[in-house]
Amino acid sequence: MFQNWGGVYGKLGGEMKALAKHCGGSHKTVNDRIHIVQRFDQHLRALNVQIQRVAQIKVRHIENYIHERLAQGIGKRTLQNEMASLRVVLQQAGVNRLLSMRG
C-alpha cells in the first residue's frame, strides 16, 4: 500500500509521508507537511517508540512532541501550524480520536 521511501523511514514514516502527500495543497504546503511528519517520526524514533502504523499514535505521543518542540524554543504560532499539519495527516488516516486536540 505504501512505498518504502528510500529505506530511511520505517513503516510509520512511510505511511505518514504518503498521507501528507495525499492531503493535497500547493507544492510548498505538501513539502512543509512532509518535513513536519518526518520530524515527528524522528522524535518517536529517538524515544524508541515501537509503533508501526499511524492508527497506533496516541495523545501522549503528540503531547510529548509538543513539550519537546517548546523546549527547543519554537514559537507558539509555528507549533500551532505544525499541529494543524499533523491533524490533517491524522484526519487523512481516519484517526478521529486525536482530532479534537487544539493548539
Protein backbone atom coordinates (compact mmCIF):
# COMPACT_ATOMS: atom_id res chain seq x y z
CA MET A 1 0.00 0.00 0.00
CA PHE A 2 2.73 2.49 0.97
CA GLN A 3 6.11 2.70 -0.68
CA ASN A 4 9.36 2.33 1.23
CA TRP A 5 10.64 5.92 1.00
CA GLY A 6 14.31 5.20 0.36
CA GLY A 7 14.65 2.95 3.39
CA VAL A 8 15.23 5.95 5.66
CA TYR A 9 11.88 5.68 7.42
CA GLY A 10 10.09 2.64 8.74
CA LYS A 11 6.50 1.74 8.11
CA LEU A 12 5.19 4.63 10.21
CA GLY A 13 7.34 7.25 8.48
CA GLY A 14 6.47 5.95 5.03
CA GLU A 15 2.77 5.86 5.83
CA MET A 16 2.83 9.38 7.27
CA LYS A 17 4.76 10.74 4.29
CA ALA A 18 2.33 9.15 1.83
CA LEU A 19 -0.63 10.56 3.76
CA ALA A 20 1.00 14.00 3.83
CA LYS A 21 1.27 13.90 0.05
CA HIS A 22 -2.34 12.75 -0.37
CA CYS A 23 -3.70 15.63 1.76
CA GLY A 24 -3.15 17.98 -1.14
CA GLY A 25 -2.30 21.65 -1.27
CA SER A 26 0.42 23.60 -3.01
CA HIS A 27 3.87 22.10 -3.55
CA LYS A 28 5.23 24.19 -0.67
CA THR A 29 2.40 23.16 1.66
CA VAL A 30 2.89 19.48 0.87
CA ASN A 31 6.68 19.80 1.25
CA ASP A 32 6.32 21.58 4.60
CA ARG A 33 3.82 18.95 5.78
CA ILE A 34 6.23 16.16 4.80
CA HIS A 35 9.04 17.80 6.79
CA ILE A 36 6.77 18.10 9.82
CA VAL A 37 5.71 14.44 9.76
CA GLN A 38 9.34 13.41 9.24
CA ARG A 39 10.34 15.47 12.30
CA PHE A 40 7.54 13.81 14.30
CA ASP A 41 8.68 10.36 13.10
CA GLN A 42 12.28 11.15 14.09
CA HIS A 43 11.04 12.27 17.52
CA LEU A 44 9.25 8.94 18.02
CA ARG A 45 12.30 7.01 16.84
CA ALA A 46 14.59 8.93 19.21
CA LEU A 47 12.33 7.87 22.09
CA ASN A 48 12.33 4.29 20.75
CA VAL A 49 8.54 4.30 20.46
CA GLN A 50 7.60 0.96 18.93
CA ILE A 51 4.65 1.80 16.70
CA GLN A 52 4.34 0.94 13.04
CA ARG A 53 1.04 2.47 11.95
CA VAL A 54 -0.49 5.93 12.18
CA ALA A 55 -3.54 4.38 13.88
CA GLN A 56 -1.30 3.47 16.84
CA ILE A 57 -0.34 7.10 17.59
CA LYS A 58 -1.68 8.15 20.97
CA VAL A 59 -2.35 11.54 22.53
CA ARG A 60 0.69 11.14 24.80
CA HIS A 61 2.97 10.84 21.75
CA ILE A 62 1.73 14.17 20.42
CA GLU A 63 1.87 15.81 23.86
CA ASN A 64 5.45 14.62 24.28
CA TYR A 65 6.33 16.06 20.86
CA ILE A 66 4.73 19.40 21.79
CA HIS A 67 6.77 19.58 25.01
CA GLU A 68 9.98 18.78 23.14
CA ARG A 69 9.32 21.44 20.49
CA LEU A 70 8.54 24.04 23.18
CA ALA A 71 11.78 23.12 24.98
CA GLN A 72 13.59 23.78 21.68
CA GLY A 73 12.24 27.34 21.76
CA ILE A 74 9.81 27.03 18.86
CA GLY A 75 7.26 29.85 18.58
CA LYS A 76 3.66 29.33 19.60
CA ARG A 77 2.30 30.06 16.13
CA THR A 78 4.85 27.75 14.49
CA LEU A 79 3.80 24.98 16.85
CA GLN A 80 0.14 25.63 16.03
CA ASN A 81 0.97 25.30 12.33
CA GLU A 82 2.81 22.03 12.97
CA MET A 83 -0.14 20.67 14.93
CA ALA A 84 -2.50 21.68 12.12
CA SER A 85 -0.34 19.74 9.65
CA LEU A 86 -0.27 16.67 11.89
CA ARG A 87 -4.03 16.97 12.39
CA VAL A 88 -4.62 16.93 8.61
CA VAL A 89 -2.44 13.84 8.20
CA LEU A 90 -4.23 12.07 11.07
CA GLN A 91 -7.59 13.03 9.58
CA GLN A 92 -6.48 11.62 6.21
CA ALA A 93 -5.60 8.38 8.03
CA GLY A 94 -9.00 8.27 9.72
CA VAL A 95 -7.61 8.70 13.24
CA ASN A 96 -10.50 10.67 14.72
CA ARG A 97 -9.78 10.36 18.44
CA LEU A 98 -6.88 12.83 18.25
CA LEU A 99 -8.53 15.46 16.08
CA SER A 100 -10.16 17.32 18.95
CA MET A 101 -6.74 18.47 20.23
CA ARG A 102 -6.28 22.18 19.66
CA GLY A 103 -3.05 24.18 19.98
